[in-house]
Amino acid sequence: MPRKSTKPSAIVIGSGCKLEALVPIDERGQIVLPKELREKASIKAGDKLAVVTCEKDGRICCITFVKADEFKDTIKKTFGPMLEELTR
């Protein structure tokens, strides 16, 4: 008899945003991204993730991981034209 998955479905928390998993932080401050999430995001060993934070009342309230290559492309698209204009 096949085993049922105990993983809950993702919870939608906003436009395009979902709570996919809750991960523990070990005593060394490390986390493990679940295999299903790594596969879904095409994250492999050696990939780099940019850590983006948001603050509220002087404290970090939100930590987001973005694949570094995608983050670099986003920054170029967003600020590239502005930087070109400034350097003329």
PDB file of N, CA and C in Angstrom:
ATOM      1  N   MET A   1       0.844  -1.179   0.000  1.00  0.00           N
ATOM      2  CA  MET A   1       0.000   0.000   0.000  1.00  0.00           C
ATOM      3  C   MET A   1       0.891   1.245   0.000  1.00  0.00           C
ATOM      4  N   PRO A   2       0.669   2.212  -0.934  1.00  0.00           N
ATOM      5  CA  PRO A   2       1.499   3.407  -0.988  1.00  0.00           C
ATOM      6  C   PRO A   2       1.318   4.269   0.254  1.00  0.00           C
ATOM      7  N   ARG A   3       2.447   4.882   0.657  1.00  0.00           N
ATOM      8  CA  ARG A   3       2.416   5.754   1.822  1.00  0.00           C
ATOM      9  C   ARG A   3       1.859   7.116   1.449  1.00  0.00           C
ATOM     10  N   LYS A   4       0.977   7.668   2.260  1.00  0.00           N
ATOM     11  CA  LYS A   4       0.435   8.997   2.010  1.00  0.00           C
ATOM     12  C   LYS A   4       1.446  10.052   2.415  1.00  0.00           C
ATOM     13  N   SER A   5       1.511  11.119   1.638  1.00  0.00           N
ATOM     14  CA  SER A   5       2.392  12.224   1.968  1.00  0.00           C
ATOM     15  C   SER A   5       1.808  13.004   3.132  1.00  0.00           C
ATOM     16  N   THR A   6       2.663  13.381   4.069  1.00  0.00           N
ATOM     17  CA  THR A   6       2.199  14.189   5.197  1.00  0.00           C
ATOM     18  C   THR A   6       2.515  15.657   4.974  1.00  0.00           C
ATOM     19  N   LYS A   7       3.117  15.975   3.816  1.00  0.00           N
ATOM     20  CA  LYS A   7       3.459  17.362   3.505  1.00  0.00           C
ATOM     21  C   LYS A   7       2.180  18.134   3.189  1.00  0.00           C
ATOM     22  N   PRO A   8       1.933  19.238   3.920  1.00  0.00           N
ATOM     23  CA  PRO A   8       0.736  20.026   3.624  1.00  0.00           C
ATOM     24  C   PRO A   8       0.886  20.768   2.308  1.00  0.00           C
ATOM     25  N   SER A   9      -0.223  21.117   1.697  1.00  0.00           N
ATOM     26  CA  SER A   9      -0.187  21.923   0.481  1.00  0.00           C
ATOM     27  C   SER A   9       0.334  23.309   0.825  1.00  0.00           C
ATOM     28  N   ALA A  10       0.916  23.982  -0.184  1.00  0.00           N
ATOM     29  CA  ALA A  10       1.394  25.341   0.019  1.00  0.00           C
ATOM     30  C   ALA A  10       0.216  26.249   0.334  1.00  0.00           C
ATOM     31  N   ILE A  11       0.453  27.239   1.182  1.00  0.00           N
ATOM     32  CA  ILE A  11      -0.582  28.193   1.565  1.00  0.00           C
ATOM     33  C   ILE A  11      -0.327  29.492   0.814  1.00  0.00           C
ATOM     34  N   VAL A  12      -1.297  29.955   0.059  1.00  0.00           N
ATOM     35  CA  VAL A  12      -1.161  31.207  -0.689  1.00  0.00           C
ATOM     36  C   VAL A  12      -1.250  32.362   0.304  1.00  0.00           C
ATOM     37  N   ILE A  13      -0.215  33.247   0.271  1.00  0.00           N
ATOM     38  CA  ILE A  13      -0.205  34.375   1.216  1.00  0.00           C
ATOM     39  C   ILE A  13      -0.224  35.725   0.508  1.00  0.00           C
ATOM     40  N   GLY A  14      -0.294  35.731  -0.788  1.00  0.00           N
ATOM     41  CA  GLY A  14      -0.349  36.982  -1.533  1.00  0.00           C
ATOM     42  C   GLY A  14      -0.285  36.677  -3.014  1.00  0.00           C
ATOM     43  N   SER A  15      -0.279  37.714  -3.802  1.00  0.00           N
ATOM     44  CA  SER A  15      -0.232  37.560  -5.245  1.00  0.00           C
ATOM     45  C   SER A  15       1.070  36.899  -5.662  1.00  0.00           C
ATOM     46  N   GLY A  16       0.996  35.633  -6.061  1.00  0.00           N
ATOM     47  CA  GLY A  16       2.173  34.902  -6.495  1.00  0.00           C
ATOM     48  C   GLY A  16       3.060  34.406  -5.366  1.00  0.00           C
ATOM     49  N   CYS A  17       2.689  34.626  -4.120  1.00  0.00           N
ATOM     50  CA  CYS A  17       3.504  34.205  -2.976  1.00  0.00           C
ATOM     51  C   CYS A  17       2.818  33.078  -2.225  1.00  0.00           C
ATOM     52  N   LYS A  18       3.634  32.095  -1.796  1.00  0.00           N
ATOM     53  CA  LYS A  18       3.100  30.950  -1.065  1.00  0.00           C
ATOM     54  C   LYS A  18       4.014  30.611   0.094  1.00  0.00           C
ATOM     55  N   LEU A  19       3.445  30.105   1.145  1.00  0.00           N
ATOM     56  CA  LEU A  19       4.216  29.507   2.226  1.00  0.00           C
ATOM     57  C   LEU A  19       4.414  28.060   1.817  1.00  0.00           C
ATOM     58  N   GLU A  20       5.629  27.709   1.414  1.00  0.00           N
ATOM     59  CA  GLU A  20       5.930  26.369   0.900  1.00  0.00           C
ATOM     60  C   GLU A  20       6.349  25.411   1.998  1.00  0.00           C
ATOM     61  N   ALA A  21       7.090  25.909   2.992  1.00  0.00           N
ATOM     62  CA  ALA A  21       7.620  25.020   4.014  1.00  0.00           C
ATOM     63  C   ALA A  21       8.057  25.823   5.226  1.00  0.00           C
ATOM     64  N   LEU A  22       8.115  25.161   6.351  1.00  0.00           N
ATOM     65  CA  LEU A  22       8.730  25.716   7.552  1.00  0.00           C
ATOM     66  C   LEU A  22       9.995  24.904   7.782  1.00  0.00           C
ATOM     67  N   VAL A  23      11.131  25.578   7.895  1.00  0.00           N
ATOM     68  CA  VAL A  23      12.395  24.861   8.055  1.00  0.00           C
ATOM     69  C   VAL A  23      13.043  25.260   9.375  1.00  0.00           C
ATOM     70  N   PRO A  24      13.591  24.283  10.085  1.00  0.00           N
ATOM     71  CA  PRO A  24      14.258  24.606  11.350  1.00  0.00           C
ATOM     72  C   PRO A  24      15.655  25.172  11.097  1.00  0.00           C
ATOM     73  N   ILE A  25      16.152  25.929  12.041  1.00  0.00           N
ATOM     74  CA  ILE A  25      17.519  26.434  12.015  1.00  0.00           C
ATOM     75  C   ILE A  25      18.288  25.635  13.049  1.00  0.00           C
ATOM     76  N   ASP A  26      19.419  25.037  12.631  1.00  0.00           N
ATOM     77  CA  ASP A  26      20.163  24.207  13.585  1.00  0.00           C
ATOM     78  C   ASP A  26      21.034  25.069  14.498  1.00  0.00           C
ATOM     79  N   GLU A  27      21.743  24.417  15.405  1.00  0.00           N
ATOM     80  CA  GLU A  27      22.547  25.144  16.392  1.00  0.00           C
ATOM     81  C   GLU A  27      23.681  25.953  15.771  1.00  0.00           C
ATOM     82  N   ARG A  28      24.062  25.637  14.539  1.00  0.00           N
ATOM     83  CA  ARG A  28      25.093  26.423  13.841  1.00  0.00           C
ATOM     84  C   ARG A  28      24.487  27.524  12.979  1.00  0.00           C
ATOM     85  N   GLY A  29      23.169  27.686  13.025  1.00  0.00           N
ATOM     86  CA  GLY A  29      22.498  28.727  12.253  1.00  0.00           C
ATOM     87  C   GLY A  29      22.226  28.340  10.814  1.00  0.00           C
ATOM     88  N   GLN A  30      22.318  27.064  10.493  1.00  0.00           N
ATOM     89  CA  GLN A  30      22.121  26.610   9.122  1.00  0.00           C
ATOM     90  C   GLN A  30      20.700  26.101   8.916  1.00  0.00           C
ATOM     91  N   ILE A  31      20.238  26.216   7.674  1.00  0.00           N
ATOM     92  CA  ILE A  31      18.937  25.677   7.299  1.00  0.00           C
ATOM     93  C   ILE A  31      19.117  24.747   6.110  1.00  0.00           C
ATOM     94  N   VAL A  32      18.161  23.866   5.915  1.00  0.00           N
ATOM     95  CA  VAL A  32      18.155  22.987   4.750  1.00  0.00           C
ATOM     96  C   VAL A  32      16.873  23.280   3.976  1.00  0.00           C
ATOM     97  N   LEU A  33      17.032  23.609   2.690  1.00  0.00           N
ATOM     98  CA  LEU A  33      15.862  23.787   1.844  1.00  0.00           C
ATOM     99  C   LEU A  33      15.369  22.405   1.446  1.00  0.00           C
ATOM    100  N   PRO A  34      14.083  22.130   1.612  1.00  0.00           N
ATOM    101  CA  PRO A  34      13.561  20.812   1.243  1.00  0.00           C
ATOM    102  C   PRO A  34      13.842  20.479  -0.225  1.00  0.00           C
ATOM    103  N   LYS A  35      14.094  19.199  -0.476  1.00  0.00           N
ATOM    104  CA  LYS A  35      14.439  18.729  -1.820  1.00  0.00           C
ATOM    105  C   LYS A  35      13.397  19.151  -2.857  1.00  0.00           C
ATOM    106  N   GLU A  36      12.122  19.030  -2.521  1.00  0.00           N
ATOM    107  CA  GLU A  36      11.054  19.388  -3.472  1.00  0.00           C
ATOM    108  C   GLU A  36      11.160  20.856  -3.869  1.00  0.00           C
ATOM    109  N   LEU A  37      11.485  21.714  -2.920  1.00  0.00           N
ATOM    110  CA  LEU A  37      11.613  23.142  -3.192  1.00  0.00           C
ATOM    111  C   LEU A  37      12.837  23.420  -4.057  1.00  0.00           C
ATOM    112  N   ARG A  38      13.971  22.759  -3.739  1.00  0.00           N
ATOM    113  CA  ARG A  38      15.184  22.931  -4.547  1.00  0.00           C
ATOM    114  C   ARG A  38      14.930  22.498  -5.984  1.00  0.00           C
ATOM    115  N   GLU A  39      14.249  21.382  -6.152  1.00  0.00           N
ATOM    116  CA  GLU A  39      13.955  20.902  -7.501  1.00  0.00           C
ATOM    117  C   GLU A  39      13.033  21.868  -8.234  1.00  0.00           C
ATOM    118  N   LYS A  40      12.001  22.322  -7.565  1.00  0.00           N
ATOM    119  CA  LYS A  40      11.028  23.240  -8.172  1.00  0.00           C
ATOM    120  C   LYS A  40      11.692  24.558  -8.594  1.00  0.00           C
ATOM    121  N   ALA A  41      12.690  25.010  -7.803  1.00  0.00           N
ATOM    122  CA  ALA A  41      13.380  26.268  -8.088  1.00  0.00           C
ATOM    123  C   ALA A  41      14.656  26.060  -8.898  1.00  0.00           C
ATOM    124  N   SER A  42      14.944  24.808  -9.277  1.00  0.00           N
ATOM    125  CA  SER A  42      16.166  24.475 -10.022  1.00  0.00           C
ATOM    126  C   SER A  42      17.418  24.967  -9.296  1.00  0.00           C
ATOM    127  N   ILE A  43      17.464  24.757  -7.985  1.00  0.00           N
ATOM    128  CA  ILE A  43      18.632  25.121  -7.178  1.00  0.00           C
ATOM    129  C   ILE A  43      19.493  23.875  -7.025  1.00  0.00           C
ATOM    130  N   LYS A  44      20.778  24.026  -7.412  1.00  0.00           N
ATOM    131  CA  LYS A  44      21.708  22.911  -7.339  1.00  0.00           C
ATOM    132  C   LYS A  44      22.861  23.266  -6.411  1.00  0.00           C
ATOM    133  N   ALA A  45      23.605  22.236  -5.989  1.00  0.00           N
ATOM    134  CA  ALA A  45      24.797  22.460  -5.176  1.00  0.00           C
ATOM    135  C   ALA A  45      25.721  23.425  -5.915  1.00  0.00           C
ATOM    136  N   GLY A  46      26.250  24.394  -5.218  1.00  0.00           N
ATOM    137  CA  GLY A  46      27.147  25.379  -5.809  1.00  0.00           C
ATOM    138  C   GLY A  46      26.450  26.652  -6.266  1.00  0.00           C
ATOM    139  N   ASP A  47      25.118  26.614  -6.430  1.00  0.00           N
ATOM    140  CA  ASP A  47      24.387  27.830  -6.792  1.00  0.00           C
ATOM    141  C   ASP A  47      24.507  28.837  -5.657  1.00  0.00           C
ATOM    142  N   LYS A  48      24.388  30.103  -5.998  1.00  0.00           N
ATOM    143  CA  LYS A  48      24.423  31.155  -4.985  1.00  0.00           C
ATOM    144  C   LYS A  48      23.047  31.788  -4.873  1.00  0.00           C
ATOM    145  N   LEU A  49      22.677  32.128  -3.648  1.00  0.00           N
ATOM    146  CA  LEU A  49      21.421  32.802  -3.395  1.00  0.00           C
ATOM    147  C   LEU A  49      21.705  34.176  -2.802  1.00  0.00           C
ATOM    148  N   ALA A  50      21.044  35.199  -3.316  1.00  0.00           N
ATOM    149  CA  ALA A  50      21.138  36.538  -2.740  1.00  0.00           C
ATOM    150  C   ALA A  50      20.166  36.590  -1.568  1.00  0.00           C
ATOM    151  N   VAL A  51      20.600  37.192  -0.470  1.00  0.00           N
ATOM    152  CA  VAL A  51      19.756  37.319   0.712  1.00  0.00           C
ATOM    153  C   VAL A  51      19.260  38.761   0.750  1.00  0.00           C
ATOM    154  N   VAL A  52      17.946  38.934   0.644  1.00  0.00           N
ATOM    155  CA  VAL A  52      17.323  40.252   0.623  1.00  0.00           C
ATOM    156  C   VAL A  52      16.491  40.386   1.895  1.00  0.00           C
ATOM    157  N   THR A  53      16.650  41.506   2.597  1.00  0.00           N
ATOM    158  CA  THR A  53      15.909  41.696   3.847  1.00  0.00           C
ATOM    159  C   THR A  53      15.031  42.934   3.779  1.00  0.00           C
ATOM    160  N   CYS A  54      14.008  42.943   4.604  1.00  0.00           N
ATOM    161  CA  CYS A  54      13.155  44.114   4.802  1.00  0.00           C
ATOM    162  C   CYS A  54      13.160  44.422   6.299  1.00  0.00           C
ATOM    163  N   GLU A  55      13.133  45.701   6.632  1.00  0.00           N
ATOM    164  CA  GLU A  55      13.130  46.093   8.032  1.00  0.00           C
ATOM    165  C   GLU A  55      11.837  46.806   8.404  1.00  0.00           C
ATOM    166  N   LYS A  56      11.484  46.645   9.653  1.00  0.00           N
ATOM    167  CA  LYS A  56      10.339  47.354  10.221  1.00  0.00           C
ATOM    168  C   LYS A  56      10.736  47.724  11.644  1.00  0.00           C
ATOM    169  N   ASP A  57      10.622  48.980  11.977  1.00  0.00           N
ATOM    170  CA  ASP A  57      10.966  49.475  13.306  1.00  0.00           C
ATOM    171  C   ASP A  57      12.398  49.108  13.695  1.00  0.00           C
ATOM    172  N   GLY A  58      13.315  49.164  12.720  1.00  0.00           N
ATOM    173  CA  GLY A  58      14.722  48.911  12.990  1.00  0.00           C
ATOM    174  C   GLY A  58      15.110  47.452  13.127  1.00  0.00           C
ATOM    175  N   ARG A  59      14.180  46.537  12.893  1.00  0.00           N
ATOM    176  CA  ARG A  59      14.471  45.101  12.995  1.00  0.00           C
ATOM    177  C   ARG A  59      14.154  44.426  11.670  1.00  0.00           C
ATOM    178  N   ILE A  60      14.934  43.430  11.327  1.00  0.00           N
ATOM    179  CA  ILE A  60      14.652  42.668  10.110  1.00  0.00           C
ATOM    180  C   ILE A  60      13.403  41.827  10.365  1.00  0.00           C
ATOM    181  N   CYS A  61      12.410  41.994   9.510  1.00  0.00           N
ATOM    182  CA  CYS A  61      11.152  41.257   9.668  1.00  0.00           C
ATOM    183  C   CYS A  61      10.929  40.248   8.546  1.00  0.00           C
ATOM    184  N   CYS A  62      11.711  40.372   7.468  1.00  0.00           N
ATOM    185  CA  CYS A  62      11.503  39.501   6.320  1.00  0.00           C
ATOM    186  C   CYS A  62      12.847  39.184   5.682  1.00  0.00           C
ATOM    187  N   ILE A  63      13.095  37.910   5.427  1.00  0.00           N
ATOM    188  CA  ILE A  63      14.311  37.469   4.752  1.00  0.00           C
ATOM    189  C   ILE A  63      13.877  36.675   3.530  1.00  0.00           C
ATOM    190  N   THR A  64      14.373  37.078   2.369  1.00  0.00           N
ATOM    191  CA  THR A  64      14.017  36.418   1.112  1.00  0.00           C
ATOM    192  C   THR A  64      15.285  35.943   0.423  1.00  0.00           C
ATOM    193  N   PHE A  65      15.230  34.766  -0.175  1.00  0.00           N
ATOM    194  CA  PHE A  65      16.348  34.242  -0.954  1.00  0.00           C
ATOM    195  C   PHE A  65      15.977  34.328  -2.427  1.00  0.00           C
ATOM    196  N   VAL A  66      16.900  34.866  -3.229  1.00  0.00           N
ATOM    197  CA  VAL A  66      16.697  34.978  -4.668  1.00  0.00           C
ATOM    198  C   VAL A  66      17.914  34.365  -5.344  1.00  0.00           C
ATOM    199  N   LYS A  67      17.686  33.546  -6.361  1.00  0.00           N
ATOM    200  CA  LYS A  67      18.829  32.988  -7.088  1.00  0.00           C
ATOM    201  C   LYS A  67      19.682  34.153  -7.585  1.00  0.00           C
ATOM    202  N   ALA A  68      20.974  34.099  -7.296  1.00  0.00           N
ATOM    203  CA  ALA A  68      21.871  35.220  -7.585  1.00  0.00           C
ATOM    204  C   ALA A  68      21.850  35.611  -9.061  1.00  0.00           C
ATOM    205  N   ASP A  69      21.824  34.631  -9.965  1.00  0.00           N
ATOM    206  CA  ASP A  69      21.806  34.950 -11.401  1.00  0.00           C
ATOM    207  C   ASP A  69      20.555  35.734 -11.773  1.00  0.00           C
ATOM    208  N   GLU A  70      19.422  35.337 -11.230  1.00  0.00           N
ATOM    209  CA  GLU A  70      18.175  36.043 -11.531  1.00  0.00           C
ATOM    210  C   GLU A  70      18.161  37.426 -10.888  1.00  0.00           C
ATOM    211  N   PHE A  71      18.722  37.519  -9.697  1.00  0.00           N
ATOM    212  CA  PHE A  71      18.787  38.806  -9.002  1.00  0.00           C
ATOM    213  C   PHE A  71      19.662  39.773  -9.794  1.00  0.00           C
ATOM    214  N   LYS A  72      20.801  39.274 -10.289  1.00  0.00           N
ATOM    215  CA  LYS A  72      21.718  40.103 -11.082  1.00  0.00           C
ATOM    216  C   LYS A  72      21.002  40.608 -12.327  1.00  0.00           C
ATOM    217  N   ASP A  73      20.267  39.739 -13.002  1.00  0.00           N
ATOM    218  CA  ASP A  73      19.537  40.147 -14.208  1.00  0.00           C
ATOM    219  C   ASP A  73      18.473  41.189 -13.885  1.00  0.00           C
ATOM    220  N   THR A  74      17.786  41.011 -12.765  1.00  0.00           N
ATOM    221  CA  THR A  74      16.755  41.968 -12.352  1.00  0.00           C
ATOM    222  C   THR A  74      17.372  43.334 -12.065  1.00  0.00           C
ATOM    223  N   ILE A  75      18.502  43.343 -11.363  1.00  0.00           N
ATOM    224  CA  ILE A  75      19.186  44.605 -11.050  1.00  0.00           C
ATOM    225  C   ILE A  75      19.621  45.300 -12.331  1.00  0.00           C
ATOM    226  N   LYS A  76      20.179  44.532 -13.278  1.00  0.00           N
ATOM    227  CA  LYS A  76      20.608  45.120 -14.551  1.00  0.00           C
ATOM    228  C   LYS A  76      19.429  45.743 -15.289  1.00  0.00           C
ATOM    229  N   LYS A  77      18.310  45.024 -15.348  1.00  0.00           N
ATOM    230  CA  LYS A  77      17.132  45.535 -16.058  1.00  0.00           C
ATOM    231  C   LYS A  77      16.570  46.766 -15.368  1.00  0.00           C
ATOM    232  N   THR A  78      16.573  46.760 -14.047  1.00  0.00           N
ATOM    233  CA  THR A  78      15.983  47.863 -13.293  1.00  0.00           C
ATOM    234  C   THR A  78      16.877  49.094 -13.274  1.00  0.00           C
ATOM    235  N   PHE A  79      18.159  48.894 -12.957  1.00  0.00           N
ATOM    236  CA  PHE A  79      19.047  50.028 -12.757  1.00  0.00           C
ATOM    237  C   PHE A  79      20.003  50.298 -13.913  1.00  0.00           C
ATOM    238  N   GLY A  80      20.136  49.349 -14.845  1.00  0.00           N
ATOM    239  CA  GLY A  80      21.051  49.528 -15.972  1.00  0.00           C
ATOM    240  C   GLY A  80      20.807  50.808 -16.750  1.00  0.00           C
ATOM    241  N   PRO A  81      19.584  51.040 -17.213  1.00  0.00           N
ATOM    242  CA  PRO A  81      19.321  52.265 -17.977  1.00  0.00           C
ATOM    243  C   PRO A  81      19.603  53.534 -17.159  1.00  0.00           C
ATOM    244  N   MET A  82      19.294  53.489 -15.871  1.00  0.00           N
ATOM    245  CA  MET A  82      19.531  54.646 -15.004  1.00  0.00           C
ATOM    246  C   MET A  82      21.038  54.891 -14.851  1.00  0.00           C
ATOM    247  N   LEU A  83      21.814  53.806 -14.662  1.00  0.00           N
ATOM    248  CA  LEU A  83      23.259  53.947 -14.522  1.00  0.00           C
ATOM    249  C   LEU A  83      23.892  54.451 -15.812  1.00  0.00           C
ATOM    250  N   GLU A  84      23.405  53.968 -16.951  1.00  0.00           N
ATOM    251  CA  GLU A  84      23.915  54.461 -18.239  1.00  0.00           C
ATOM    252  C   GLU A  84      23.669  55.954 -18.361  1.00  0.00           C
ATOM    253  N   GLU A  85      22.478  56.404 -17.967  1.00  0.00           N
ATOM    254  CA  GLU A  85      22.126  57.826 -18.039  1.00  0.00           C
ATOM    255  C   GLU A  85      23.031  58.651 -17.123  1.00  0.00           C
ATOM    256  N   LEU A  86      23.310  58.135 -15.942  1.00  0.00           N
ATOM    257  CA  LEU A  86      24.146  58.864 -14.978  1.00  0.00           C
ATOM    258  C   LEU A  86      25.597  58.953 -15.409  1.00  0.00           C
ATOM    259  N   THR A  87      26.073  57.975 -16.149  1.00  0.00           N
ATOM    260  CA  THR A  87      27.486  57.969 -16.551  1.00  0.00           C
ATOM    261  C   THR A  87      27.733  58.693 -17.873  1.00  0.00           C
ATOM    262  N   ARG A  88      26.730  59.254 -18.467  1.00  0.00           N
ATOM    263  CA  ARG A  88      26.909  60.016 -19.724  1.00  0.00           C
ATOM    264  C   ARG A  88      27.406  61.397 -19.434  1.00  0.00           C
TER     265      ARG A  88
END
